[in-house]
Protein backbone atom coordinates (compact mmCIF):
# COMPACT_ATOMS: atom_id res chain seq x y z
CA UNK A 1 38.39 -3.33 62.72
CA UNK A 2 34.26 -1.95 62.91
CA UNK A 3 33.66 1.60 61.94
CA UNK A 4 33.64 3.59 65.34
CA UNK A 5 31.88 6.40 63.64
CA UNK A 6 29.24 4.83 62.32
CA UNK A 7 28.82 2.24 65.62
CA UNK A 8 28.36 5.97 67.42
CA UNK A 9 26.11 7.83 64.65
CA UNK A 10 24.07 4.45 65.00
CA UNK A 11 24.17 4.39 68.78
CA UNK A 12 22.94 7.43 69.06
CA UNK A 13 20.28 6.86 66.64
CA UNK A 14 18.73 4.30 68.66
CA UNK A 15 19.49 5.79 71.87
CA UNK A 16 22.29 4.44 73.38
CA UNK A 17 24.62 6.30 74.73
CA UNK A 18 28.12 5.80 74.16
CA UNK A 19 30.61 7.83 75.44
CA UNK A 20 33.68 9.92 73.09
CA UNK A 21 33.62 10.95 69.88
CA UNK A 22 34.80 9.80 66.57
CA UNK A 23 38.56 9.81 66.79
CA UNK A 24 39.04 11.19 70.51
CA UNK A 25 39.65 8.39 73.24
CA UNK A 26 36.93 5.34 71.89
CA UNK A 27 37.36 2.17 72.60
CA UNK A 28 36.94 -0.38 70.26
CA UNK A 29 33.98 -2.62 70.59
CA UNK A 30 33.96 -6.29 71.24
CA UNK A 31 32.34 -8.56 68.83
CA UNK A 32 29.98 -8.80 71.51
CA UNK A 33 29.32 -5.15 71.74
CA UNK A 34 29.10 -4.31 67.73
CA UNK A 35 26.74 -7.83 68.00
CA UNK A 36 24.29 -5.90 70.55
CA UNK A 37 24.42 -2.38 69.07
CA UNK A 38 23.62 -4.10 65.18
CA UNK A 39 20.61 -6.12 67.08
CA UNK A 40 19.00 -3.17 68.79
CA UNK A 41 19.35 -1.36 65.54
CA UNK A 42 17.62 -3.96 63.25
CA UNK A 43 15.22 -4.28 66.35
CA UNK A 44 14.18 -0.40 66.42
CA UNK A 45 14.65 -0.31 62.52
CA UNK A 46 10.76 -1.06 61.11
CA UNK A 47 9.01 1.23 63.89
CA UNK A 48 11.21 4.34 62.81
CA UNK A 49 10.59 3.96 59.28
CA UNK A 50 6.88 3.68 59.78
CA UNK A 51 6.81 7.26 61.26
CA UNK A 52 9.59 9.17 59.61
CA UNK A 53 9.69 11.16 55.98
CA UNK A 54 11.01 9.67 53.03
CA UNK A 55 14.39 11.62 53.26
CA UNK A 56 14.69 10.03 57.04
CA UNK A 57 13.72 6.60 55.53
CA UNK A 58 16.37 6.27 52.86
CA UNK A 59 18.90 7.97 55.82
CA UNK A 60 17.81 4.64 57.76
CA UNK A 61 18.02 2.27 54.92
CA UNK A 62 21.21 3.74 53.99
CA UNK A 63 22.29 3.46 57.92
CA UNK A 64 20.81 -0.55 58.01
CA UNK A 65 22.74 -1.53 55.27
CA UNK A 66 25.88 -0.21 56.69
CA UNK A 67 25.16 -1.65 59.42
CA UNK A 68 24.47 -4.93 58.39
CA UNK A 69 27.79 -5.05 56.03
CA UNK A 70 29.83 -3.79 59.56
CA UNK A 71 28.53 -6.97 61.94
CA UNK A 72 28.81 -8.95 59.27
CA UNK A 73 32.76 -8.40 59.33
CA UNK A 74 33.01 -8.99 62.54
CA UNK A 75 33.42 -11.86 63.71
CA UNK A 76 36.24 -14.49 63.20
CA UNK A 77 38.19 -14.66 59.88
CA UNK A 78 36.46 -17.19 57.55
CA UNK A 79 38.34 -19.35 55.63
CA UNK A 80 38.59 -18.81 51.96
CA UNK A 81 37.52 -22.10 50.78
CA UNK A 82 34.00 -21.52 52.64
CA UNK A 83 31.14 -21.08 50.80
CA UNK A 84 28.77 -18.74 51.42
CA UNK A 85 24.67 -19.16 51.53
CA UNK A 86 21.86 -17.04 52.23
CA UNK A 87 18.19 -18.30 53.18
CA UNK A 88 15.36 -15.16 53.53
CA UNK A 89 13.74 -16.94 56.46
CA UNK A 90 10.16 -15.68 58.57
CA UNK A 91 11.77 -15.85 62.18
CA UNK A 92 15.58 -15.86 62.20
CA UNK A 93 15.16 -17.77 66.14
CA UNK A 94 12.86 -20.22 64.90
CA UNK A 95 15.69 -20.73 62.14
CA UNK A 96 18.74 -20.83 64.19
CA UNK A 97 17.00 -23.43 66.81
CA UNK A 98 15.85 -25.88 63.44
CA UNK A 99 19.40 -25.80 61.71
CA UNK A 100 21.17 -26.11 65.26
CA UNK A 101 18.90 -28.68 66.82
CA UNK A 102 17.92 -30.47 63.64
CA UNK A 103 20.74 -30.41 61.34
CA UNK A 104 23.71 -29.82 63.13
CA UNK A 105 24.58 -26.40 62.34
CA UNK A 106 26.63 -24.10 64.85
CA UNK A 107 25.10 -21.01 65.74
CA UNK A 108 28.81 -18.56 65.15
CA UNK A 109 27.03 -15.04 65.72
CA UNK A 110 23.11 -13.95 65.72
CA UNK A 111 22.20 -10.40 65.54
CA UNK A 112 18.70 -9.86 67.16
CA UNK A 113 15.73 -11.02 65.06
CA UNK A 114 17.37 -9.12 62.08
CA UNK A 115 20.17 -11.98 61.14
CA UNK A 116 21.90 -15.20 61.99
CA UNK A 117 25.58 -16.49 60.92
CA UNK A 118 25.45 -20.32 60.75
CA UNK A 119 28.46 -22.64 60.22
CA UNK A 120 28.76 -26.58 59.11
CA UNK A 121 31.92 -27.49 57.83
CA UNK A 122 32.66 -25.64 54.93
CA UNK A 123 29.33 -23.88 54.68
CA UNK A 124 28.36 -20.69 56.17
CA UNK A 125 24.88 -20.02 56.45
CA UNK A 126 23.57 -16.52 56.95
CA UNK A 127 19.63 -17.13 57.90
CA UNK A 128 17.85 -13.26 57.04
CA UNK A 129 15.03 -12.36 58.37
CA UNK A 130 12.37 -9.65 57.03
CA UNK A 131 14.72 -6.96 58.69
CA UNK A 132 17.66 -7.12 56.67
CA UNK A 133 18.87 -4.77 53.71
CA UNK A 134 18.63 -8.08 52.03
CA UNK A 135 14.59 -8.18 52.18
CA UNK A 136 14.31 -5.11 50.20
CA UNK A 137 12.21 -4.42 47.63
CA UNK A 138 13.37 -4.98 43.81
CA UNK A 139 12.81 -2.72 40.80
CA UNK A 140 9.32 -4.39 40.33
CA UNK A 141 8.29 -3.90 43.59
CA UNK A 142 8.62 -7.36 44.96
CA UNK A 143 9.70 -8.11 48.35
CA UNK A 144 12.53 -10.79 48.61
CA UNK A 145 10.86 -13.94 50.81
CA UNK A 146 11.72 -17.78 52.34
CA UNK A 147 10.37 -20.60 49.73
CA UNK A 148 10.57 -18.68 46.75
CA UNK A 149 12.57 -21.71 44.48
CA UNK A 150 14.10 -24.76 44.22
CA UNK A 151 17.78 -23.22 44.88
CA UNK A 152 19.58 -25.26 48.14
CA UNK A 153 22.45 -26.54 49.53
CA UNK A 154 23.18 -30.05 50.02
CA UNK A 155 23.98 -31.60 53.45
CA UNK A 156 25.83 -35.26 53.06
CA UNK A 157 25.38 -37.73 55.99
CA UNK A 158 26.88 -41.29 56.29
CA UNK A 159 23.20 -42.90 56.64
CA UNK A 160 20.23 -41.56 55.03
CA UNK A 161 17.80 -43.49 56.00
CA UNK A 162 18.51 -43.68 59.90
CA UNK A 163 18.99 -39.73 59.82
CA UNK A 164 15.62 -39.84 57.54
CA UNK A 165 13.93 -41.39 60.51
CA UNK A 166 15.38 -39.09 63.84
CA UNK A 167 14.51 -36.12 61.56
CA UNK A 168 10.71 -37.52 60.95
CA UNK A 169 10.38 -38.12 64.68
CA UNK A 170 11.65 -34.63 65.81
CA UNK A 171 8.77 -32.70 62.84
CA UNK A 172 11.00 -32.00 60.24
CA UNK A 173 8.60 -31.91 57.16
CA UNK A 174 9.56 -33.41 53.60
CA UNK A 175 9.45 -32.67 50.06
CA UNK A 176 9.46 -36.48 49.16
CA UNK A 177 10.49 -40.31 49.87
CA UNK A 178 14.44 -41.66 49.20
CA UNK A 179 15.61 -41.32 45.89
CA UNK A 180 17.87 -44.21 45.58
CA UNK A 181 19.55 -43.63 42.29
CA UNK A 182 21.72 -46.50 41.10
CA UNK A 183 23.08 -46.52 44.94
CA UNK A 184 23.29 -42.88 45.44
CA UNK A 185 20.36 -42.01 47.82
CA UNK A 186 19.03 -38.52 48.15
CA UNK A 187 16.10 -37.04 49.86
CA UNK A 188 14.44 -32.97 50.43
CA UNK A 189 13.74 -31.77 53.65
CA UNK A 190 12.10 -28.03 54.24
CA UNK A 191 13.26 -25.63 57.21
CA UNK A 192 10.52 -23.76 58.81
CA UNK A 193 10.24 -21.55 56.41
CA UNK A 194 10.26 -23.58 53.61
CA UNK A 195 13.91 -23.32 52.26
CA UNK A 196 14.75 -26.97 50.63
CA UNK A 197 17.54 -28.82 51.69
CA UNK A 198 19.01 -31.55 49.98
CA UNK A 199 20.24 -34.19 51.92
CA UNK A 200 22.33 -37.03 49.98
CA UNK A 201 24.52 -40.61 51.61
CA UNK A 202 27.62 -40.64 51.19
CA UNK A 203 29.42 -43.14 48.66
């Protein structure tokens, strides 16, 4: 169940009027309500930070992290066998459009411009924008961002050549040509933020 006290605190912080007090006749919000609240919070987060004292900014950062944890757990139960991958992206809407229309993912939940949860079989993909807790600066001052390496997940398809041809026509960018390793065909493509996805033909 979502943290009702946190929901009320966040609603007050960003100007959403929810009746009731913690523990006193407060209705349990639906996943849609929680999604909307999370989206509104994240979308209001950067301007607040820009005009905050250090103490206020720290408080907002704390609530942002708790808010993300809350909304990430607000959806339907996940299979324990499901793999979960997070990709940092420049634009969550662009990422959702790419993975749904080009690679056959299903959109499970989206929290405004902050983060979206996509599903493909037993793979759960989190596409996280610059406003999530995962984008906070590291100890050395660096900031996590998209396209930062060669770690990737792999999607298996039945007919790689036909699939690649369709994706090329749809404007998907590929990093290489199809590699045939003794009958095992594979190729790398990129999402709109430069993150790498490997496509492999089923044996």
